[in-house]
Amino acid sequence: KVVALGEVGLDYYWDESPRDVQQDVFRRQIEVAHELKMPVDIHTRD
């Protein structure tokens, strides 16, 4: 009953993680979802 990878993405409003790190981790989690044949639920702010 786990049906998606999420929520993941980018948040430049709070900037709790460095932006380059956010981007790298976002890309990697998309790859993980693809490997497992799952959709990705995305948070994007600013």
All heavy atoms as atom14 arrays in JSON, in Angstrom:
{
  "sequence": "KVVALGEVGLDYYWDESPRDVQQDVFRRQIEVAHELKMPVDIHTRD",
  "atom14_mask": [
    [1, 1, 1, 1, 1, 1, 1, 1, 1, 0, 0, 0, 0, 0],
    [1, 1, 1, 1, 1, 1, 1, 0, 0, 0, 0, 0, 0, 0],
    [1, 1, 1, 1, 1, 1, 1, 0, 0, 0, 0, 0, 0, 0],
    [1, 1, 1, 1, 1, 0, 0, 0, 0, 0, 0, 0, 0, 0],
    [1, 1, 1, 1, 1, 1, 1, 1, 0, 0, 0, 0, 0, 0],
    [1, 1, 1, 1, 0, 0, 0, 0, 0, 0, 0, 0, 0, 0],
    [1, 1, 1, 1, 1, 1, 1, 1, 1, 0, 0, 0, 0, 0],
    [1, 1, 1, 1, 1, 1, 1, 0, 0, 0, 0, 0, 0, 0],
    [1, 1, 1, 1, 0, 0, 0, 0, 0, 0, 0, 0, 0, 0],
    [1, 1, 1, 1, 1, 1, 1, 1, 0, 0, 0, 0, 0, 0],
    [1, 1, 1, 1, 1, 1, 1, 1, 0, 0, 0, 0, 0, 0],
    [1, 1, 1, 1, 1, 1, 1, 1, 1, 1, 1, 1, 0, 0],
    [1, 1, 1, 1, 1, 1, 1, 1, 1, 1, 1, 1, 0, 0],
    [1, 1, 1, 1, 1, 1, 1, 1, 1, 1, 1, 1, 1, 1],
    [1, 1, 1, 1, 1, 1, 1, 1, 0, 0, 0, 0, 0, 0],
    [1, 1, 1, 1, 1, 1, 1, 1, 1, 0, 0, 0, 0, 0],
    [1, 1, 1, 1, 1, 1, 0, 0, 0, 0, 0, 0, 0, 0],
    [1, 1, 1, 1, 1, 1, 1, 0, 0, 0, 0, 0, 0, 0],
    [1, 1, 1, 1, 1, 1, 1, 1, 1, 1, 1, 0, 0, 0],
    [1, 1, 1, 1, 1, 1, 1, 1, 0, 0, 0, 0, 0, 0],
    [1, 1, 1, 1, 1, 1, 1, 0, 0, 0, 0, 0, 0, 0],
    [1, 1, 1, 1, 1, 1, 1, 1, 1, 0, 0, 0, 0, 0],
    [1, 1, 1, 1, 1, 1, 1, 1, 1, 0, 0, 0, 0, 0],
    [1, 1, 1, 1, 1, 1, 1, 1, 0, 0, 0, 0, 0, 0],
    [1, 1, 1, 1, 1, 1, 1, 0, 0, 0, 0, 0, 0, 0],
    [1, 1, 1, 1, 1, 1, 1, 1, 1, 1, 1, 0, 0, 0],
    [1, 1, 1, 1, 1, 1, 1, 1, 1, 1, 1, 0, 0, 0],
    [1, 1, 1, 1, 1, 1, 1, 1, 1, 1, 1, 0, 0, 0],
    [1, 1, 1, 1, 1, 1, 1, 1, 1, 0, 0, 0, 0, 0],
    [1, 1, 1, 1, 1, 1, 1, 1, 0, 0, 0, 0, 0, 0],
    [1, 1, 1, 1, 1, 1, 1, 1, 1, 0, 0, 0, 0, 0],
    [1, 1, 1, 1, 1, 1, 1, 0, 0, 0, 0, 0, 0, 0],
    [1, 1, 1, 1, 1, 0, 0, 0, 0, 0, 0, 0, 0, 0],
    [1, 1, 1, 1, 1, 1, 1, 1, 1, 1, 0, 0, 0, 0],
    [1, 1, 1, 1, 1, 1, 1, 1, 1, 0, 0, 0, 0, 0],
    [1, 1, 1, 1, 1, 1, 1, 1, 0, 0, 0, 0, 0, 0],
    [1, 1, 1, 1, 1, 1, 1, 1, 1, 0, 0, 0, 0, 0],
    [1, 1, 1, 1, 1, 1, 1, 1, 0, 0, 0, 0, 0, 0],
    [1, 1, 1, 1, 1, 1, 1, 0, 0, 0, 0, 0, 0, 0],
    [1, 1, 1, 1, 1, 1, 1, 0, 0, 0, 0, 0, 0, 0],
    [1, 1, 1, 1, 1, 1, 1, 1, 0, 0, 0, 0, 0, 0],
    [1, 1, 1, 1, 1, 1, 1, 1, 0, 0, 0, 0, 0, 0],
    [1, 1, 1, 1, 1, 1, 1, 1, 1, 1, 0, 0, 0, 0],
    [1, 1, 1, 1, 1, 1, 1, 0, 0, 0, 0, 0, 0, 0],
    [1, 1, 1, 1, 1, 1, 1, 1, 1, 1, 1, 0, 0, 0],
    [1, 1, 1, 1, 1, 1, 1, 1, 0, 0, 0, 0, 0, 0]
  ],
  "atom14_positions": [
    [[0.8, -1.24, 0.0], [0.0, 0.0, 0.0], [0.83, 1.28, 0.0], [0.29, 2.36, 0.18], [-1.0, 0.01, 1.15], [-2.06, -1.09, 1.04], [-3.07, -1.0, 2.16], [-4.02, 0.16, 1.99], [-4.95, 0.28, 3.11], [0.0, 0.0, 0.0], [0.0, 0.0, 0.0], [0.0, 0.0, 0.0], [0.0, 0.0, 0.0], [0.0, 0.0, 0.0]],
    [[2.14, 1.16, -0.22], [2.96, 2.35, -0.49], [2.95, 2.55, -2.0], [3.39, 1.67, -2.74], [4.39, 2.2, 0.05], [5.24, 3.41, -0.34], [4.37, 2.02, 1.57], [0.0, 0.0, 0.0], [0.0, 0.0, 0.0], [0.0, 0.0, 0.0], [0.0, 0.0, 0.0], [0.0, 0.0, 0.0], [0.0, 0.0, 0.0], [0.0, 0.0, 0.0]],
    [[2.4, 3.67, -2.46], [2.08, 3.82, -3.87], [2.9, 4.86, -4.62], [2.75, 5.02, -5.82], [0.56, 4.13, -4.04], [-0.28, 2.96, -3.55], [0.17, 5.42, -3.32], [0.0, 0.0, 0.0], [0.0, 0.0, 0.0], [0.0, 0.0, 0.0], [0.0, 0.0, 0.0], [0.0, 0.0, 0.0], [0.0, 0.0, 0.0], [0.0, 0.0, 0.0]],
    [[3.76, 5.59, -3.89], [4.57, 6.62, -4.56], [5.74, 7.01, -3.69], [5.77, 6.75, -2.47], [3.71, 7.86, -4.85], [0.0, 0.0, 0.0], [0.0, 0.0, 0.0], [0.0, 0.0, 0.0], [0.0, 0.0, 0.0], [0.0, 0.0, 0.0], [0.0, 0.0, 0.0], [0.0, 0.0, 0.0], [0.0, 0.0, 0.0], [0.0, 0.0, 0.0]],
    [[6.71, 7.65, -4.32], [7.81, 8.26, -3.59], [7.48, 9.74, -3.44], [7.29, 10.45, -4.42], [9.12, 8.07, -4.35], [10.4, 8.39, -3.58], [11.57, 7.62, -4.16], [10.74, 9.89, -3.6], [0.0, 0.0, 0.0], [0.0, 0.0, 0.0], [0.0, 0.0, 0.0], [0.0, 0.0, 0.0], [0.0, 0.0, 0.0], [0.0, 0.0, 0.0]],
    [[7.37, 10.19, -2.2], [7.03, 11.59, -1.99], [6.77, 11.91, -0.53], [6.65, 10.99, 0.29], [0.0, 0.0, 0.0], [0.0, 0.0, 0.0], [0.0, 0.0, 0.0], [0.0, 0.0, 0.0], [0.0, 0.0, 0.0], [0.0, 0.0, 0.0], [0.0, 0.0, 0.0], [0.0, 0.0, 0.0], [0.0, 0.0, 0.0], [0.0, 0.0, 0.0]],
    [[6.72, 13.15, -0.15], [6.93, 14.24, -1.05], [8.4, 14.61, -1.06], [9.05, 14.64, -0.02], [6.06, 15.45, -0.69], [6.33, 16.03, 0.69], [5.39, 17.17, 1.06], [5.67, 18.31, 0.64], [4.4, 16.9, 1.76], [0.0, 0.0, 0.0], [0.0, 0.0, 0.0], [0.0, 0.0, 0.0], [0.0, 0.0, 0.0], [0.0, 0.0, 0.0]],
    [[8.91, 14.88, -2.24], [10.32, 15.24, -2.43], [10.36, 16.44, -3.37], [9.38, 16.77, -4.02], [11.12, 14.06, -3.02], [11.04, 12.85, -2.1], [10.62, 13.68, -4.41], [0.0, 0.0, 0.0], [0.0, 0.0, 0.0], [0.0, 0.0, 0.0], [0.0, 0.0, 0.0], [0.0, 0.0, 0.0], [0.0, 0.0, 0.0], [0.0, 0.0, 0.0]],
    [[11.52, 17.08, -3.44], [11.6, 18.19, -4.39], [12.54, 19.29, -3.98], [13.63, 19.04, -3.46], [0.0, 0.0, 0.0], [0.0, 0.0, 0.0], [0.0, 0.0, 0.0], [0.0, 0.0, 0.0], [0.0, 0.0, 0.0], [0.0, 0.0, 0.0], [0.0, 0.0, 0.0], [0.0, 0.0, 0.0], [0.0, 0.0, 0.0], [0.0, 0.0, 0.0]],
    [[12.1, 20.52, -4.2], [12.92, 21.7, -3.96], [12.12, 22.73, -3.17], [10.95, 22.96, -3.46], [13.36, 22.33, -5.28], [14.09, 21.43, -6.28], [14.29, 22.17, -7.6], [15.43, 20.97, -5.71], [0.0, 0.0, 0.0], [0.0, 0.0, 0.0], [0.0, 0.0, 0.0], [0.0, 0.0, 0.0], [0.0, 0.0, 0.0], [0.0, 0.0, 0.0]],
    [[12.78, 23.34, -2.18], [12.14, 24.42, -1.42], [13.16, 25.53, -1.2], [14.03, 25.45, -0.34], [11.63, 23.89, -0.08], [10.67, 24.87, 0.6], [10.98, 26.09, 0.59], [9.64, 24.43, 1.13], [0.0, 0.0, 0.0], [0.0, 0.0, 0.0], [0.0, 0.0, 0.0], [0.0, 0.0, 0.0], [0.0, 0.0, 0.0], [0.0, 0.0, 0.0]],
    [[13.02, 26.59, -2.04], [13.93, 27.72, -1.95], [13.37, 28.83, -1.07], [13.97, 29.89, -0.95], [14.21, 28.28, -3.35], [14.98, 27.35, -4.26], [15.16, 27.66, -5.6], [15.54, 26.15, -3.79], [15.87, 26.82, -6.45], [16.24, 25.3, -4.62], [16.4, 25.64, -5.96], [17.11, 24.81, -6.8], [0.0, 0.0, 0.0], [0.0, 0.0, 0.0]],
    [[12.21, 28.57, -0.47], [11.62, 29.54, 0.47], [12.27, 29.37, 1.85], [12.76, 30.32, 2.44], [10.11, 29.34, 0.56], [9.43, 30.28, 1.53], [9.11, 31.58, 1.16], [9.1, 29.85, 2.82], [8.48, 32.45, 2.05], [8.47, 30.71, 3.72], [8.16, 32.0, 3.33], [7.55, 32.86, 4.22], [0.0, 0.0, 0.0], [0.0, 0.0, 0.0]],
    [[12.28, 28.13, 2.34], [12.87, 27.86, 3.65], [14.37, 27.63, 3.56], [15.11, 27.96, 4.49], [12.2, 26.65, 4.31], [10.77, 26.9, 4.69], [9.65, 26.35, 4.14], [10.29, 27.8, 5.7], [8.51, 26.83, 4.74], [8.87, 27.72, 5.71], [10.91, 28.66, 6.61], [8.08, 28.47, 6.58], [10.12, 29.4, 7.47], [8.73, 29.3, 7.45]],
    [[14.84, 27.05, 2.46], [16.27, 26.83, 2.25], [16.94, 26.14, 3.44], [18.03, 26.53, 3.88], [16.98, 28.17, 1.96], [17.09, 28.46, 0.47], [17.01, 27.51, -0.33], [17.27, 29.63, 0.1], [0.0, 0.0, 0.0], [0.0, 0.0, 0.0], [0.0, 0.0, 0.0], [0.0, 0.0, 0.0], [0.0, 0.0, 0.0], [0.0, 0.0, 0.0]],
    [[16.29, 25.09, 3.93], [16.85, 24.37, 5.08], [18.06, 23.53, 4.7], [18.89, 23.2, 5.55], [15.78, 23.47, 5.71], [14.63, 24.22, 6.37], [15.03, 24.89, 7.67], [16.02, 24.46, 8.28], [14.35, 25.86, 8.08], [0.0, 0.0, 0.0], [0.0, 0.0, 0.0], [0.0, 0.0, 0.0], [0.0, 0.0, 0.0], [0.0, 0.0, 0.0]],
    [[18.15, 23.16, 3.44], [19.32, 22.45, 2.92], [19.91, 23.27, 1.77], [19.16, 23.98, 1.07], [18.93, 21.07, 2.38], [18.42, 20.24, 3.41], [0.0, 0.0, 0.0], [0.0, 0.0, 0.0], [0.0, 0.0, 0.0], [0.0, 0.0, 0.0], [0.0, 0.0, 0.0], [0.0, 0.0, 0.0], [0.0, 0.0, 0.0], [0.0, 0.0, 0.0]],
    [[21.23, 23.22, 1.56], [21.83, 23.94, 0.43], [21.16, 23.55, -0.88], [20.79, 22.39, -1.08], [23.3, 23.48, 0.46], [23.54, 23.06, 1.87], [22.24, 22.47, 2.35], [0.0, 0.0, 0.0], [0.0, 0.0, 0.0], [0.0, 0.0, 0.0], [0.0, 0.0, 0.0], [0.0, 0.0, 0.0], [0.0, 0.0, 0.0], [0.0, 0.0, 0.0]],
    [[20.99, 24.5, -1.78], [20.23, 24.25, -3.0], [20.86, 23.19, -3.89], [20.13, 22.4, -4.51], [20.04, 25.57, -3.77], [19.15, 26.54, -3.02], [18.85, 27.8, -3.79], [17.98, 28.69, -3.0], [17.48, 29.85, -3.42], [17.75, 30.26, -4.66], [16.72, 30.57, -2.64], [0.0, 0.0, 0.0], [0.0, 0.0, 0.0], [0.0, 0.0, 0.0]],
    [[22.18, 23.15, -3.96], [22.79, 22.12, -4.78], [22.55, 20.73, -4.19], [22.36, 19.75, -4.93], [24.29, 22.39, -4.96], [25.06, 22.41, -3.65], [24.48, 22.73, -2.6], [26.28, 22.11, -3.67], [0.0, 0.0, 0.0], [0.0, 0.0, 0.0], [0.0, 0.0, 0.0], [0.0, 0.0, 0.0], [0.0, 0.0, 0.0], [0.0, 0.0, 0.0]],
    [[22.5, 20.65, -2.87], [22.21, 19.38, -2.21], [20.75, 18.99, -2.46], [20.46, 17.82, -2.77], [22.5, 19.48, -0.69], [22.03, 18.21, 0.03], [23.98, 19.72, -0.46], [0.0, 0.0, 0.0], [0.0, 0.0, 0.0], [0.0, 0.0, 0.0], [0.0, 0.0, 0.0], [0.0, 0.0, 0.0], [0.0, 0.0, 0.0], [0.0, 0.0, 0.0]],
    [[19.84, 19.95, -2.34], [18.43, 19.68, -2.64], [18.29, 19.1, -4.04], [17.56, 18.12, -4.25], [17.61, 20.97, -2.56], [17.41, 21.53, -1.17], [16.42, 22.7, -1.18], [15.37, 22.62, -1.81], [16.77, 23.77, -0.49], [0.0, 0.0, 0.0], [0.0, 0.0, 0.0], [0.0, 0.0, 0.0], [0.0, 0.0, 0.0], [0.0, 0.0, 0.0]],
    [[18.97, 19.71, -5.01], [18.85, 19.27, -6.4], [19.4, 17.85, -6.58], [18.78, 17.01, -7.25], [19.58, 20.25, -7.3], [18.93, 21.62, -7.37], [19.8, 22.65, -8.05], [20.69, 22.32, -8.83], [19.57, 23.92, -7.75], [0.0, 0.0, 0.0], [0.0, 0.0, 0.0], [0.0, 0.0, 0.0], [0.0, 0.0, 0.0], [0.0, 0.0, 0.0]],
    [[20.56, 17.58, -5.98], [21.17, 16.25, -6.12], [20.29, 15.17, -5.51], [20.11, 14.09, -6.1], [22.55, 16.23, -5.44], [23.59, 17.04, -6.21], [23.34, 17.37, -7.39], [24.64, 17.33, -5.62], [0.0, 0.0, 0.0], [0.0, 0.0, 0.0], [0.0, 0.0, 0.0], [0.0, 0.0, 0.0], [0.0, 0.0, 0.0], [0.0, 0.0, 0.0]],
    [[19.72, 15.45, -4.32], [18.89, 14.47, -3.63], [17.57, 14.28, -4.37], [17.05, 13.16, -4.47], [18.67, 14.89, -2.17], [17.63, 14.01, -1.48], [19.99, 14.83, -1.4], [0.0, 0.0, 0.0], [0.0, 0.0, 0.0], [0.0, 0.0, 0.0], [0.0, 0.0, 0.0], [0.0, 0.0, 0.0], [0.0, 0.0, 0.0], [0.0, 0.0, 0.0]],
    [[17.04, 15.36, -4.92], [15.82, 15.27, -5.72], [16.05, 14.37, -6.93], [15.27, 13.44, -7.2], [15.41, 16.68, -6.15], [14.12, 16.79, -6.91], [13.1, 15.87, -6.75], [13.91, 17.87, -7.77], [11.9, 15.99, -7.46], [12.71, 18.01, -8.46], [11.72, 17.06, -8.31], [0.0, 0.0, 0.0], [0.0, 0.0, 0.0], [0.0, 0.0, 0.0]],
    [[17.13, 14.6, -7.65], [17.46, 13.77, -8.82], [17.59, 12.3, -8.42], [17.08, 11.4, -9.11], [18.76, 14.24, -9.46], [18.66, 15.54, -10.23], [19.94, 15.8, -11.01], [19.89, 17.06, -11.73], [20.37, 18.21, -11.27], [20.94, 18.26, -10.07], [20.27, 19.31, -11.98], [0.0, 0.0, 0.0], [0.0, 0.0, 0.0], [0.0, 0.0, 0.0]],
    [[18.3, 12.06, -7.32], [18.52, 10.67, -6.91], [17.22, 9.98, -6.53], [17.0, 8.83, -6.89], [19.5, 10.63, -5.73], [19.75, 9.22, -5.19], [20.22, 8.26, -6.28], [20.12, 6.86, -5.85], [19.91, 5.85, -6.66], [19.78, 6.04, -7.98], [19.84, 4.62, -6.2], [0.0, 0.0, 0.0], [0.0, 0.0, 0.0], [0.0, 0.0, 0.0]],
    [[16.32, 10.68, -5.85], [15.06, 10.05, -5.46], [14.17, 9.79, -6.68], [13.43, 8.8, -6.71], [14.34, 10.89, -4.4], [15.06, 10.84, -3.06], [14.28, 11.51, -1.95], [13.48, 10.91, -1.24], [14.51, 12.82, -1.8], [0.0, 0.0, 0.0], [0.0, 0.0, 0.0], [0.0, 0.0, 0.0], [0.0, 0.0, 0.0], [0.0, 0.0, 0.0]],
    [[14.23, 10.63, -7.68], [13.51, 10.36, -8.92], [14.05, 9.07, -9.56], [13.29, 8.24, -10.06], [13.63, 11.54, -9.91], [12.89, 12.77, -9.36], [13.06, 11.16, -11.28], [13.1, 14.03, -10.18], [0.0, 0.0, 0.0], [0.0, 0.0, 0.0], [0.0, 0.0, 0.0], [0.0, 0.0, 0.0], [0.0, 0.0, 0.0], [0.0, 0.0, 0.0]],
    [[15.37, 8.9, -9.52], [15.98, 7.68, -10.05], [15.51, 6.45, -9.27], [15.2, 5.4, -9.87], [17.51, 7.79, -9.98], [18.11, 8.78, -10.96], [19.6, 8.98, -10.73], [20.15, 8.38, -9.78], [20.21, 9.75, -11.5], [0.0, 0.0, 0.0], [0.0, 0.0, 0.0], [0.0, 0.0, 0.0], [0.0, 0.0, 0.0], [0.0, 0.0, 0.0]],
    [[15.45, 6.58, -7.95], [14.98, 5.47, -7.12], [13.55, 5.09, -7.5], [13.21, 3.91, -7.64], [15.07, 5.82, -5.62], [14.31, 4.82, -4.76], [16.53, 5.91, -5.18], [0.0, 0.0, 0.0], [0.0, 0.0, 0.0], [0.0, 0.0, 0.0], [0.0, 0.0, 0.0], [0.0, 0.0, 0.0], [0.0, 0.0, 0.0], [0.0, 0.0, 0.0]],
    [[12.69, 6.11, -7.65], [11.3, 5.85, -8.03], [11.23, 5.14, -9.36], [10.44, 4.19, -9.53], [10.52, 7.16, -8.08], [0.0, 0.0, 0.0], [0.0, 0.0, 0.0], [0.0, 0.0, 0.0], [0.0, 0.0, 0.0], [0.0, 0.0, 0.0], [0.0, 0.0, 0.0], [0.0, 0.0, 0.0], [0.0, 0.0, 0.0], [0.0, 0.0, 0.0]],
    [[12.04, 5.56, -10.32], [12.02, 4.92, -11.63], [12.48, 3.48, -11.54], [11.9, 2.58, -12.17], [12.89, 5.69, -12.62], [12.86, 5.12, -14.0], [13.86, 4.29, -14.49], [11.92, 5.2, -14.99], [13.55, 3.92, -15.72], [12.39, 4.44, -16.04], [0.0, 0.0, 0.0], [0.0, 0.0, 0.0], [0.0, 0.0, 0.0], [0.0, 0.0, 0.0]],
    [[13.52, 3.23, -10.75], [14.01, 1.86, -10.58], [12.93, 0.94, -10.01], [12.86, -0.24, -10.35], [15.24, 1.87, -9.67], [16.48, 2.48, -10.33], [17.57, 2.86, -9.33], [17.43, 2.5, -8.13], [18.54, 3.51, -9.74], [0.0, 0.0, 0.0], [0.0, 0.0, 0.0], [0.0, 0.0, 0.0], [0.0, 0.0, 0.0], [0.0, 0.0, 0.0]],
    [[12.07, 1.51, -9.16], [11.01, 0.74, -8.52], [9.67, 0.85, -9.26], [8.65, 0.35, -8.79], [10.84, 1.19, -7.06], [12.05, 0.93, -6.16], [11.81, 1.53, -4.77], [12.33, -0.56, -6.05], [0.0, 0.0, 0.0], [0.0, 0.0, 0.0], [0.0, 0.0, 0.0], [0.0, 0.0, 0.0], [0.0, 0.0, 0.0], [0.0, 0.0, 0.0]],
    [[9.69, 1.54, -10.41], [8.5, 1.7, -11.26], [7.36, 2.38, -10.5], [6.2, 1.94, -10.53], [8.04, 0.35, -11.83], [9.1, -0.34, -12.67], [8.62, -1.66, -13.23], [9.7, -2.32, -14.09], [9.24, -3.6, -14.66], [0.0, 0.0, 0.0], [0.0, 0.0, 0.0], [0.0, 0.0, 0.0], [0.0, 0.0, 0.0], [0.0, 0.0, 0.0]],
    [[7.69, 3.51, -9.86], [6.71, 4.24, -9.06], [6.66, 5.71, -9.48], [7.66, 6.26, -9.95], [7.08, 4.17, -7.57], [7.19, 2.77, -7.02], [7.55, 2.75, -5.26], [5.88, 2.89, -4.6], [0.0, 0.0, 0.0], [0.0, 0.0, 0.0], [0.0, 0.0, 0.0], [0.0, 0.0, 0.0], [0.0, 0.0, 0.0], [0.0, 0.0, 0.0]],
    [[5.5, 6.35, -9.29], [5.42, 7.79, -9.53], [6.11, 8.58, -8.41], [6.39, 8.03, -7.34], [3.91, 8.06, -9.54], [3.35, 7.0, -8.65], [4.21, 5.79, -8.84], [0.0, 0.0, 0.0], [0.0, 0.0, 0.0], [0.0, 0.0, 0.0], [0.0, 0.0, 0.0], [0.0, 0.0, 0.0], [0.0, 0.0, 0.0], [0.0, 0.0, 0.0]],
    [[6.36, 9.85, -8.69], [7.01, 10.74, -7.74], [6.07, 11.9, -7.42], [5.51, 12.53, -8.32], [8.31, 11.32, -8.33], [9.03, 12.18, -7.3], [9.22, 10.23, -8.82], [0.0, 0.0, 0.0], [0.0, 0.0, 0.0], [0.0, 0.0, 0.0], [0.0, 0.0, 0.0], [0.0, 0.0, 0.0], [0.0, 0.0, 0.0], [0.0, 0.0, 0.0]],
    [[5.89, 12.17, -6.13], [5.05, 13.29, -5.68], [5.97, 14.44, -5.27], [6.83, 14.27, -4.4], [4.18, 12.84, -4.51], [3.14, 13.88, -4.15], [3.47, 14.78, -3.34], [2.01, 13.8, -4.65], [0.0, 0.0, 0.0], [0.0, 0.0, 0.0], [0.0, 0.0, 0.0], [0.0, 0.0, 0.0], [0.0, 0.0, 0.0], [0.0, 0.0, 0.0]],
    [[5.78, 15.6, -5.91], [6.79, 16.66, -5.88], [6.31, 17.92, -5.16], [5.26, 18.47, -5.44], [7.2, 17.02, -7.32], [7.86, 15.8, -7.98], [8.14, 18.22, -7.35], [7.97, 15.91, -9.48], [0.0, 0.0, 0.0], [0.0, 0.0, 0.0], [0.0, 0.0, 0.0], [0.0, 0.0, 0.0], [0.0, 0.0, 0.0], [0.0, 0.0, 0.0]],
    [[7.17, 18.35, -4.23], [7.01, 19.63, -3.54], [7.96, 20.62, -4.23], [9.16, 20.36, -4.32], [7.39, 19.46, -2.07], [7.52, 20.73, -1.29], [6.58, 21.13, -0.36], [8.47, 21.69, -1.28], [6.95, 22.28, 0.18], [8.1, 22.64, -0.36], [0.0, 0.0, 0.0], [0.0, 0.0, 0.0], [0.0, 0.0, 0.0], [0.0, 0.0, 0.0]],
    [[7.43, 21.73, -4.69], [8.31, 22.77, -5.24], [7.82, 24.14, -4.77], [6.65, 24.48, -4.95], [8.39, 22.71, -6.78], [9.24, 23.75, -7.25], [7.04, 22.85, -7.45], [0.0, 0.0, 0.0], [0.0, 0.0, 0.0], [0.0, 0.0, 0.0], [0.0, 0.0, 0.0], [0.0, 0.0, 0.0], [0.0, 0.0, 0.0], [0.0, 0.0, 0.0]],
    [[8.71, 24.87, -4.12], [8.34, 26.19, -3.61], [9.43, 27.19, -4.0], [10.6, 27.02, -3.66], [8.17, 26.17, -2.09], [7.6, 27.48, -1.55], [7.13, 27.36, -0.13], [6.48, 28.6, 0.29], [6.08, 28.85, 1.54], [6.26, 27.93, 2.49], [5.51, 30.0, 1.84], [0.0, 0.0, 0.0], [0.0, 0.0, 0.0], [0.0, 0.0, 0.0]],
    [[9.02, 28.21, -4.74], [9.93, 29.24, -5.24], [11.07, 28.62, -6.06], [12.2, 29.12, -6.03], [10.52, 30.07, -4.08], [9.47, 30.9, -3.37], [8.33, 30.98, -3.87], [9.78, 31.47, -2.31], [0.0, 0.0, 0.0], [0.0, 0.0, 0.0], [0.0, 0.0, 0.0], [0.0, 0.0, 0.0], [0.0, 0.0, 0.0], [0.0, 0.0, 0.0]]
  ]
}
